[in-house]
Amino acid sequence: IALSAAGFTVYAGARRVDKMEPLKQHGITVLSLDV
């Protein structure tokens, strides 16, 4: 969220994609990402 507010185009990744749904409201693209 903070990087998006600072002007970055942000891709947010995690295994629990459902937990990241609120990030879409900030223009953030959500990725399924398992490191």
PDB file of all heavy atoms in Angstrom:
ATOM      1  N   ILE A   1       0.838  -1.215   0.000  1.00  0.00           N
ATOM      2  CA  ILE A   1       0.000   0.000   0.000  1.00  0.00           C
ATOM      3  C   ILE A   1       0.865   1.253   0.000  1.00  0.00           C
ATOM      4  O   ILE A   1       0.620   2.210  -0.745  1.00  0.00           O
ATOM      5  CB  ILE A   1      -0.940  -0.011   1.222  1.00  0.00           C
ATOM      6  CG1 ILE A   1      -1.957  -1.154   1.094  1.00  0.00           C
ATOM      7  CG2 ILE A   1      -1.653   1.334   1.368  1.00  0.00           C
ATOM      8  CD1 ILE A   1      -2.812  -1.359   2.340  1.00  0.00           C
ATOM      9  N   ALA A   2       1.891   1.275   0.846  1.00  0.00           N
ATOM     10  CA  ALA A   2       2.742   2.460   0.963  1.00  0.00           C
ATOM     11  C   ALA A   2       3.517   2.728  -0.325  1.00  0.00           C
ATOM     12  O   ALA A   2       3.681   3.879  -0.734  1.00  0.00           O
ATOM     13  CB  ALA A   2       3.700   2.284   2.138  1.00  0.00           C
ATOM     14  N   LEU A   3       3.995   1.675  -0.984  1.00  0.00           N
ATOM     15  CA  LEU A   3       4.705   1.873  -2.245  1.00  0.00           C
ATOM     16  C   LEU A   3       3.769   2.378  -3.333  1.00  0.00           C
ATOM     17  O   LEU A   3       4.136   3.240  -4.143  1.00  0.00           O
ATOM     18  CB  LEU A   3       5.358   0.563  -2.685  1.00  0.00           C
ATOM     19  CG  LEU A   3       6.605   0.132  -1.916  1.00  0.00           C
ATOM     20  CD1 LEU A   3       6.998  -1.289  -2.304  1.00  0.00           C
ATOM     21  CD2 LEU A   3       7.767   1.086  -2.158  1.00  0.00           C
ATOM     22  N   SER A   4       2.551   1.866  -3.357  1.00  0.00           N
ATOM     23  CA  SER A   4       1.576   2.348  -4.328  1.00  0.00           C
ATOM     24  C   SER A   4       1.287   3.827  -4.114  1.00  0.00           C
ATOM     25  O   SER A   4       1.231   4.610  -5.074  1.00  0.00           O
ATOM     26  CB  SER A   4       0.283   1.525  -4.220  1.00  0.00           C
ATOM     27  OG  SER A   4      -0.670   1.968  -5.154  1.00  0.00           O
ATOM     28  N   ALA A   5       1.141   4.212  -2.851  1.00  0.00           N
ATOM     29  CA  ALA A   5       0.895   5.620  -2.534  1.00  0.00           C
ATOM     30  C   ALA A   5       2.082   6.496  -2.920  1.00  0.00           C
ATOM     31  O   ALA A   5       1.916   7.691  -3.202  1.00  0.00           O
ATOM     32  CB  ALA A   5       0.589   5.778  -1.045  1.00  0.00           C
ATOM     33  N   ALA A   6       3.271   5.905  -2.930  1.00  0.00           N
ATOM     34  CA  ALA A   6       4.478   6.647  -3.292  1.00  0.00           C
ATOM     35  C   ALA A   6       4.705   6.696  -4.800  1.00  0.00           C
ATOM     36  O   ALA A   6       5.704   7.262  -5.256  1.00  0.00           O
ATOM     37  CB  ALA A   6       5.695   6.024  -2.614  1.00  0.00           C
ATOM     38  N   GLY A   7       3.793   6.109  -5.575  1.00  0.00           N
ATOM     39  CA  GLY A   7       3.868   6.217  -7.019  1.00  0.00           C
ATOM     40  C   GLY A   7       4.385   4.995  -7.750  1.00  0.00           C
ATOM     41  O   GLY A   7       4.507   5.001  -8.979  1.00  0.00           O
ATOM     42  N   PHE A   8       4.683   3.924  -7.026  1.00  0.00           N
ATOM     43  CA  PHE A   8       5.132   2.692  -7.672  1.00  0.00           C
ATOM     44  C   PHE A   8       3.948   1.933  -8.267  1.00  0.00           C
ATOM     45  O   PHE A   8       2.829   1.987  -7.729  1.00  0.00           O
ATOM     46  CB  PHE A   8       5.823   1.773  -6.664  1.00  0.00           C
ATOM     47  CG  PHE A   8       7.223   2.180  -6.293  1.00  0.00           C
ATOM     48  CD1 PHE A   8       7.456   3.155  -5.340  1.00  0.00           C
ATOM     49  CD2 PHE A   8       8.316   1.576  -6.904  1.00  0.00           C
ATOM     50  CE1 PHE A   8       8.749   3.531  -4.996  1.00  0.00           C
ATOM     51  CE2 PHE A   8       9.605   1.934  -6.570  1.00  0.00           C
ATOM     52  CZ  PHE A   8       9.826   2.919  -5.609  1.00  0.00           C
ATOM     53  N   THR A   9       4.188   1.230  -9.346  1.00  0.00           N
ATOM     54  CA  THR A   9       3.267   0.211  -9.829  1.00  0.00           C
ATOM     55  C   THR A   9       3.619  -1.067  -9.091  1.00  0.00           C
ATOM     56  O   THR A   9       4.728  -1.597  -9.255  1.00  0.00           O
ATOM     57  CB  THR A   9       3.409   0.001 -11.349  1.00  0.00           C
ATOM     58  OG1 THR A   9       3.083   1.216 -12.017  1.00  0.00           O
ATOM     59  CG2 THR A   9       2.491  -1.113 -11.819  1.00  0.00           C
ATOM     60  N   VAL A  10       2.706  -1.547  -8.265  1.00  0.00           N
ATOM     61  CA  VAL A  10       3.037  -2.594  -7.301  1.00  0.00           C
ATOM     62  C   VAL A  10       2.381  -3.921  -7.670  1.00  0.00           C
ATOM     63  O   VAL A  10       1.180  -3.977  -7.966  1.00  0.00           O
ATOM     64  CB  VAL A  10       2.622  -2.185  -5.870  1.00  0.00           C
ATOM     65  CG1 VAL A  10       2.954  -3.292  -4.867  1.00  0.00           C
ATOM     66  CG2 VAL A  10       3.306  -0.886  -5.468  1.00  0.00           C
ATOM     67  N   TYR A  11       3.188  -4.969  -7.594  1.00  0.00           N
ATOM     68  CA  TYR A  11       2.713  -6.343  -7.696  1.00  0.00           C
ATOM     69  C   TYR A  11       2.946  -6.997  -6.344  1.00  0.00           C
ATOM     70  O   TYR A  11       4.092  -7.086  -5.879  1.00  0.00           O
ATOM     71  CB  TYR A  11       3.462  -7.098  -8.793  1.00  0.00           C
ATOM     72  CG  TYR A  11       3.053  -6.678 -10.189  1.00  0.00           C
ATOM     73  CD1 TYR A  11       3.533  -5.497 -10.730  1.00  0.00           C
ATOM     74  CD2 TYR A  11       2.180  -7.454 -10.938  1.00  0.00           C
ATOM     75  CE1 TYR A  11       3.157  -5.091 -12.005  1.00  0.00           C
ATOM     76  CE2 TYR A  11       1.792  -7.056 -12.213  1.00  0.00           C
ATOM     77  CZ  TYR A  11       2.276  -5.877 -12.735  1.00  0.00           C
ATOM     78  OH  TYR A  11       1.886  -5.484 -13.989  1.00  0.00           O
ATOM     79  N   ALA A  12       1.870  -7.419  -5.714  1.00  0.00           N
ATOM     80  CA  ALA A  12       1.937  -8.019  -4.381  1.00  0.00           C
ATOM     81  C   ALA A  12       1.771  -9.526  -4.505  1.00  0.00           C
ATOM     82  O   ALA A  12       0.799  -9.998  -5.101  1.00  0.00           O
ATOM     83  CB  ALA A  12       0.850  -7.441  -3.472  1.00  0.00           C
ATOM     84  N   GLY A  13       2.701 -10.280  -3.939  1.00  0.00           N
ATOM     85  CA  GLY A  13       2.650 -11.723  -4.075  1.00  0.00           C
ATOM     86  C   GLY A  13       2.620 -12.453  -2.751  1.00  0.00           C
ATOM     87  O   GLY A  13       3.253 -12.033  -1.778  1.00  0.00           O
ATOM     88  N   ALA A  14       1.873 -13.544  -2.707  1.00  0.00           N
ATOM     89  CA  ALA A  14       1.806 -14.414  -1.531  1.00  0.00           C
ATOM     90  C   ALA A  14       1.031 -15.668  -1.916  1.00  0.00           C
ATOM     91  O   ALA A  14       0.373 -15.717  -2.967  1.00  0.00           O
ATOM     92  CB  ALA A  14       1.134 -13.719  -0.347  1.00  0.00           C
ATOM     93  N   ARG A  15       1.098 -16.672  -1.045  1.00  0.00           N
ATOM     94  CA  ARG A  15       0.324 -17.899  -1.294  1.00  0.00           C
ATOM     95  C   ARG A  15      -1.154 -17.669  -1.020  1.00  0.00           C
ATOM     96  O   ARG A  15      -2.010 -18.202  -1.713  1.00  0.00           O
ATOM     97  CB  ARG A  15       0.852 -19.031  -0.413  1.00  0.00           C
ATOM     98  CG  ARG A  15       2.232 -19.540  -0.809  1.00  0.00           C
ATOM     99  CD  ARG A  15       2.684 -20.692   0.069  1.00  0.00           C
ATOM    100  NE  ARG A  15       2.759 -20.308   1.475  1.00  0.00           N
ATOM    101  CZ  ARG A  15       1.963 -20.765   2.428  1.00  0.00           C
ATOM    102  NH1 ARG A  15       1.008 -21.626   2.153  1.00  0.00           N
ATOM    103  NH2 ARG A  15       2.113 -20.359   3.681  1.00  0.00           N
ATOM    104  N   ARG A  16      -1.467 -16.891   0.021  1.00  0.00           N
ATOM    105  CA  ARG A  16      -2.867 -16.673   0.409  1.00  0.00           C
ATOM    106  C   ARG A  16      -3.437 -15.493  -0.381  1.00  0.00           C
ATOM    107  O   ARG A  16      -3.529 -14.372   0.113  1.00  0.00           O
ATOM    108  CB  ARG A  16      -2.952 -16.440   1.916  1.00  0.00           C
ATOM    109  CG  ARG A  16      -2.523 -17.650   2.743  1.00  0.00           C
ATOM    110  CD  ARG A  16      -2.685 -17.418   4.230  1.00  0.00           C
ATOM    111  NE  ARG A  16      -1.741 -16.423   4.733  1.00  0.00           N
ATOM    112  CZ  ARG A  16      -1.690 -16.001   5.994  1.00  0.00           C
ATOM    113  NH1 ARG A  16      -2.554 -16.477   6.880  1.00  0.00           N
ATOM    114  NH2 ARG A  16      -0.806 -15.111   6.374  1.00  0.00           N
ATOM    115  N   VAL A  17      -3.826 -15.771  -1.601  1.00  0.00           N
ATOM    116  CA  VAL A  17      -4.280 -14.717  -2.509  1.00  0.00           C
ATOM    117  C   VAL A  17      -5.523 -14.017  -1.970  1.00  0.00           C
ATOM    118  O   VAL A  17      -5.686 -12.796  -2.120  1.00  0.00           O
ATOM    119  CB  VAL A  17      -4.555 -15.307  -3.908  1.00  0.00           C
ATOM    120  CG1 VAL A  17      -5.112 -14.237  -4.838  1.00  0.00           C
ATOM    121  CG2 VAL A  17      -3.282 -15.901  -4.486  1.00  0.00           C
ATOM    122  N   ASP A  18      -6.410 -14.767  -1.330  1.00  0.00           N
ATOM    123  CA  ASP A  18      -7.640 -14.174  -0.820  1.00  0.00           C
ATOM    124  C   ASP A  18      -7.367 -13.074   0.196  1.00  0.00           C
ATOM    125  O   ASP A  18      -8.104 -12.086   0.279  1.00  0.00           O
ATOM    126  CB  ASP A  18      -8.534 -15.249  -0.196  1.00  0.00           C
ATOM    127  CG  ASP A  18      -7.838 -15.990   0.939  1.00  0.00           C
ATOM    128  OD1 ASP A  18      -6.682 -16.443   0.747  1.00  0.00           O
ATOM    129  OD2 ASP A  18      -8.433 -16.109   2.029  1.00  0.00           O
ATOM    130  N   LYS A  19      -6.296 -13.209   0.958  1.00  0.00           N
ATOM    131  CA  LYS A  19      -5.951 -12.202   1.968  1.00  0.00           C
ATOM    132  C   LYS A  19      -5.534 -10.881   1.331  1.00  0.00           C
ATOM    133  O   LYS A  19      -5.556  -9.834   1.976  1.00  0.00           O
ATOM    134  CB  LYS A  19      -4.817 -12.716   2.860  1.00  0.00           C
ATOM    135  CG  LYS A  19      -5.177 -13.887   3.757  1.00  0.00           C
ATOM    136  CD  LYS A  19      -5.866 -13.407   5.002  1.00  0.00           C
ATOM    137  CE  LYS A  19      -6.036 -14.526   6.015  1.00  0.00           C
ATOM    138  NZ  LYS A  19      -6.686 -14.058   7.262  1.00  0.00           N
ATOM    139  N   MET A  20      -5.143 -10.936   0.068  1.00  0.00           N
ATOM    140  CA  MET A  20      -4.661  -9.727  -0.609  1.00  0.00           C
ATOM    141  C   MET A  20      -5.736  -9.000  -1.399  1.00  0.00           C
ATOM    142  O   MET A  20      -5.457  -7.959  -2.017  1.00  0.00           O
ATOM    143  CB  MET A  20      -3.489 -10.090  -1.523  1.00  0.00           C
ATOM    144  CG  MET A  20      -2.270 -10.630  -0.789  1.00  0.00           C
ATOM    145  SD  MET A  20      -0.841 -10.868  -1.882  1.00  0.00           S
ATOM    146  CE  MET A  20      -1.403 -12.265  -2.871  1.00  0.00           C
ATOM    147  N   GLU A  21      -6.946  -9.511  -1.394  1.00  0.00           N
ATOM    148  CA  GLU A  21      -8.026  -8.873  -2.154  1.00  0.00           C
ATOM    149  C   GLU A  21      -8.163  -7.379  -1.862  1.00  0.00           C
ATOM    150  O   GLU A  21      -8.354  -6.577  -2.787  1.00  0.00           O
ATOM    151  CB  GLU A  21      -9.349  -9.591  -1.901  1.00  0.00           C
ATOM    152  CG  GLU A  21      -9.514 -10.878  -2.688  1.00  0.00           C
ATOM    153  CD  GLU A  21      -9.563 -10.647  -4.181  1.00  0.00           C
ATOM    154  OE1 GLU A  21     -10.295  -9.732  -4.615  1.00  0.00           O
ATOM    155  OE2 GLU A  21      -8.859 -11.355  -4.916  1.00  0.00           O
ATOM    156  N   PRO A  22      -8.070  -6.935  -0.582  1.00  0.00           N
ATOM    157  CA  PRO A  22      -8.214  -5.496  -0.312  1.00  0.00           C
ATOM    158  C   PRO A  22      -7.150  -4.638  -0.995  1.00  0.00           C
ATOM    159  O   PRO A  22      -7.361  -3.429  -1.199  1.00  0.00           O
ATOM    160  CB  PRO A  22      -8.087  -5.411   1.214  1.00  0.00           C
ATOM    161  CG  PRO A  22      -8.476  -6.762   1.717  1.00  0.00           C
ATOM    162  CD  PRO A  22      -7.982  -7.716   0.670  1.00  0.00           C
ATOM    163  N   LEU A  23      -6.025  -5.217  -1.357  1.00  0.00           N
ATOM    164  CA  LEU A  23      -4.971  -4.443  -2.006  1.00  0.00           C
ATOM    165  C   LEU A  23      -5.400  -3.942  -3.381  1.00  0.00           C
ATOM    166  O   LEU A  23      -4.899  -2.922  -3.864  1.00  0.00           O
ATOM    167  CB  LEU A  23      -3.700  -5.286  -2.137  1.00  0.00           C
ATOM    168  CG  LEU A  23      -2.998  -5.670  -0.835  1.00  0.00           C
ATOM    169  CD1 LEU A  23      -1.810  -6.572  -1.119  1.00  0.00           C
ATOM    170  CD2 LEU A  23      -2.545  -4.437  -0.059  1.00  0.00           C
ATOM    171  N   LYS A  24      -6.322  -4.640  -4.007  1.00  0.00           N
ATOM    172  CA  LYS A  24      -6.773  -4.243  -5.337  1.00  0.00           C
ATOM    173  C   LYS A  24      -7.419  -2.862  -5.318  1.00  0.00           C
ATOM    174  O   LYS A  24      -7.396  -2.136  -6.319  1.00  0.00           O
ATOM    175  CB  LYS A  24      -7.744  -5.276  -5.896  1.00  0.00           C
ATOM    176  CG  LYS A  24      -7.105  -6.635  -6.170  1.00  0.00           C
ATOM    177  CD  LYS A  24      -8.119  -7.630  -6.711  1.00  0.00           C
ATOM    178  CE  LYS A  24      -7.488  -8.981  -7.006  1.00  0.00           C
ATOM    179  NZ  LYS A  24      -8.478  -9.970  -7.514  1.00  0.00           N
ATOM    180  N   GLN A  25      -7.993  -2.492  -4.170  1.00  0.00           N
ATOM    181  CA  GLN A  25      -8.607  -1.169  -4.044  1.00  0.00           C
ATOM    182  C   GLN A  25      -7.581  -0.047  -4.157  1.00  0.00           C
ATOM    183  O   GLN A  25      -7.926   1.108  -4.402  1.00  0.00           O
ATOM    184  CB  GLN A  25      -9.341  -1.057  -2.703  1.00  0.00           C
ATOM    185  CG  GLN A  25     -10.436  -2.082  -2.494  1.00  0.00           C
ATOM    186  CD  GLN A  25     -10.986  -2.049  -1.079  1.00  0.00           C
ATOM    187  OE1 GLN A  25     -10.736  -1.105  -0.326  1.00  0.00           O
ATOM    188  NE2 GLN A  25     -11.731  -3.082  -0.712  1.00  0.00           N
ATOM    189  N   HIS A  26      -6.316  -0.380  -3.958  1.00  0.00           N
ATOM    190  CA  HIS A  26      -5.236   0.607  -4.045  1.00  0.00           C
ATOM    191  C   HIS A  26      -4.529   0.551  -5.399  1.00  0.00           C
ATOM    192  O   HIS A  26      -3.455   1.141  -5.573  1.00  0.00           O
ATOM    193  CB  HIS A  26      -4.218   0.353  -2.930  1.00  0.00           C
ATOM    194  CG  HIS A  26      -4.791   0.469  -1.555  1.00  0.00           C
ATOM    195  ND1 HIS A  26      -4.823   1.663  -0.848  1.00  0.00           N
ATOM    196  CD2 HIS A  26      -5.382  -0.467  -0.754  1.00  0.00           C
ATOM    197  CE1 HIS A  26      -5.382   1.459   0.335  1.00  0.00           C
ATOM    198  NE2 HIS A  26      -5.738   0.182   0.423  1.00  0.00           N
ATOM    199  N   GLY A  27      -5.118  -0.161  -6.350  1.00  0.00           N
ATOM    200  CA  GLY A  27      -4.527  -0.261  -7.672  1.00  0.00           C
ATOM    201  C   GLY A  27      -3.366  -1.230  -7.751  1.00  0.00           C
ATOM    202  O   GLY A  27      -2.561  -1.179  -8.696  1.00  0.00           O
ATOM    203  N   ILE A  28      -3.290  -2.118  -6.797  1.00  0.00           N
ATOM    204  CA  ILE A  28      -2.199  -3.083  -6.722  1.00  0.00           C
ATOM    205  C   ILE A  28      -2.606  -4.377  -7.409  1.00  0.00           C
ATOM    206  O   ILE A  28      -3.723  -4.861  -7.216  1.00  0.00           O
ATOM    207  CB  ILE A  28      -1.824  -3.341  -5.249  1.00  0.00           C
ATOM    208  CG1 ILE A  28      -1.275  -2.048  -4.616  1.00  0.00           C
ATOM    209  CG2 ILE A  28      -0.821  -4.482  -5.111  1.00  0.00           C
ATOM    210  CD1 ILE A  28      -1.206  -2.093  -3.104  1.00  0.00           C
ATOM    211  N   THR A  29      -1.697  -4.938  -8.178  1.00  0.00           N
ATOM    212  CA  THR A  29      -1.943  -6.223  -8.824  1.00  0.00           C
ATOM    213  C   THR A  29      -1.523  -7.343  -7.888  1.00  0.00           C
ATOM    214  O   THR A  29      -0.421  -7.325  -7.334  1.00  0.00           O
ATOM    215  CB  THR A  29      -1.163  -6.337 -10.136  1.00  0.00           C
ATOM    216  OG1 THR A  29      -1.542  -5.276 -11.011  1.00  0.00           O
ATOM    217  CG2 THR A  29      -1.444  -7.675 -10.817  1.00  0.00           C
ATOM    218  N   VAL A  30      -2.406  -8.297  -7.702  1.00  0.00           N
ATOM    219  CA  VAL A  30      -2.181  -9.403  -6.769  1.00  0.00           C
ATOM    220  C   VAL A  30      -1.726 -10.637  -7.539  1.00  0.00           C
ATOM    221  O   VAL A  30      -2.311 -10.997  -8.565  1.00  0.00           O
ATOM    222  CB  VAL A  30      -3.476  -9.691  -5.980  1.00  0.00           C
ATOM    223  CG1 VAL A  30      -3.367 -10.982  -5.199  1.00  0.00           C
ATOM    224  CG2 VAL A  30      -3.787  -8.526  -5.046  1.00  0.00           C
ATOM    225  N   LEU A  31      -0.663 -11.269  -7.029  1.00  0.00           N
ATOM    226  CA  LEU A  31      -0.109 -12.463  -7.665  1.00  0.00           C
ATOM    227  C   LEU A  31      -0.109 -13.637  -6.696  1.00  0.00           C
ATOM    228  O   LEU A  31       0.178 -13.470  -5.508  1.00  0.00           O
ATOM    229  CB  LEU A  31       1.347 -12.218  -8.089  1.00  0.00           C
ATOM    230  CG  LEU A  31       1.653 -11.098  -9.069  1.00  0.00           C
ATOM    231  CD1 LEU A  31       3.162 -10.951  -9.203  1.00  0.00           C
ATOM    232  CD2 LEU A  31       1.015 -11.380 -10.415  1.00  0.00           C
ATOM    233  N   SER A  32      -0.394 -14.820  -7.218  1.00  0.00           N
ATOM    234  CA  SER A  32      -0.168 -16.037  -6.450  1.00  0.00           C
ATOM    235  C   SER A  32       1.326 -16.330  -6.511  1.00  0.00           C
ATOM    236  O   SER A  32       1.884 -16.538  -7.589  1.00  0.00           O
ATOM    237  CB  SER A  32      -0.959 -17.202  -7.047  1.00  0.00           C
ATOM    238  OG  SER A  32      -0.641 -18.404  -6.375  1.00  0.00           O
ATOM    239  N   LEU A  33       1.985 -16.303  -5.356  1.00  0.00           N
ATOM    240  CA  LEU A  33       3.438 -16.436  -5.340  1.00  0.00           C
ATOM    241  C   LEU A  33       3.872 -17.289  -4.155  1.00  0.00           C
ATOM    242  O   LEU A  33       3.655 -16.938  -3.003  1.00  0.00           O
ATOM    243  CB  LEU A  33       4.089 -15.055  -5.243  1.00  0.00           C
ATOM    244  CG  LEU A  33       5.618 -15.019  -5.151  1.00  0.00           C
ATOM    245  CD1 LEU A  33       6.243 -15.699  -6.358  1.00  0.00           C
ATOM    246  CD2 LEU A  33       6.105 -13.582  -5.030  1.00  0.00           C
ATOM    247  N   ASP A  34       4.503 -18.399  -4.461  1.00  0.00           N
ATOM    248  CA  ASP A  34       5.037 -19.314  -3.464  1.00  0.00           C
ATOM    249  C   ASP A  34       6.557 -19.321  -3.621  1.00  0.00           C
ATOM    250  O   ASP A  34       7.080 -19.769  -4.644  1.00  0.00           O
ATOM    251  CB  ASP A  34       4.469 -20.714  -3.689  1.00  0.00           C
ATOM    252  CG  ASP A  34       4.976 -21.742  -2.677  1.00  0.00           C
ATOM    253  OD1 ASP A  34       5.903 -21.427  -1.909  1.00  0.00           O
ATOM    254  OD2 ASP A  34       4.452 -22.869  -2.679  1.00  0.00           O
ATOM    255  N   VAL A  35       7.282 -18.809  -2.622  1.00  0.00           N
ATOM    256  CA  VAL A  35       8.735 -18.691  -2.753  1.00  0.00           C
ATOM    257  C   VAL A  35       9.460 -20.011  -2.548  1.00  0.00           C
ATOM    258  O   VAL A  35      10.694 -20.045  -2.535  1.00  0.00           O
ATOM    259  CB  VAL A  35       9.297 -17.610  -1.798  1.00  0.00           C
ATOM    260  CG1 VAL A  35       8.736 -16.241  -2.128  1.00  0.00           C
ATOM    261  CG2 VAL A  35       9.049 -17.974  -0.345  1.00  0.00           C
TER     262      VAL A  35
END
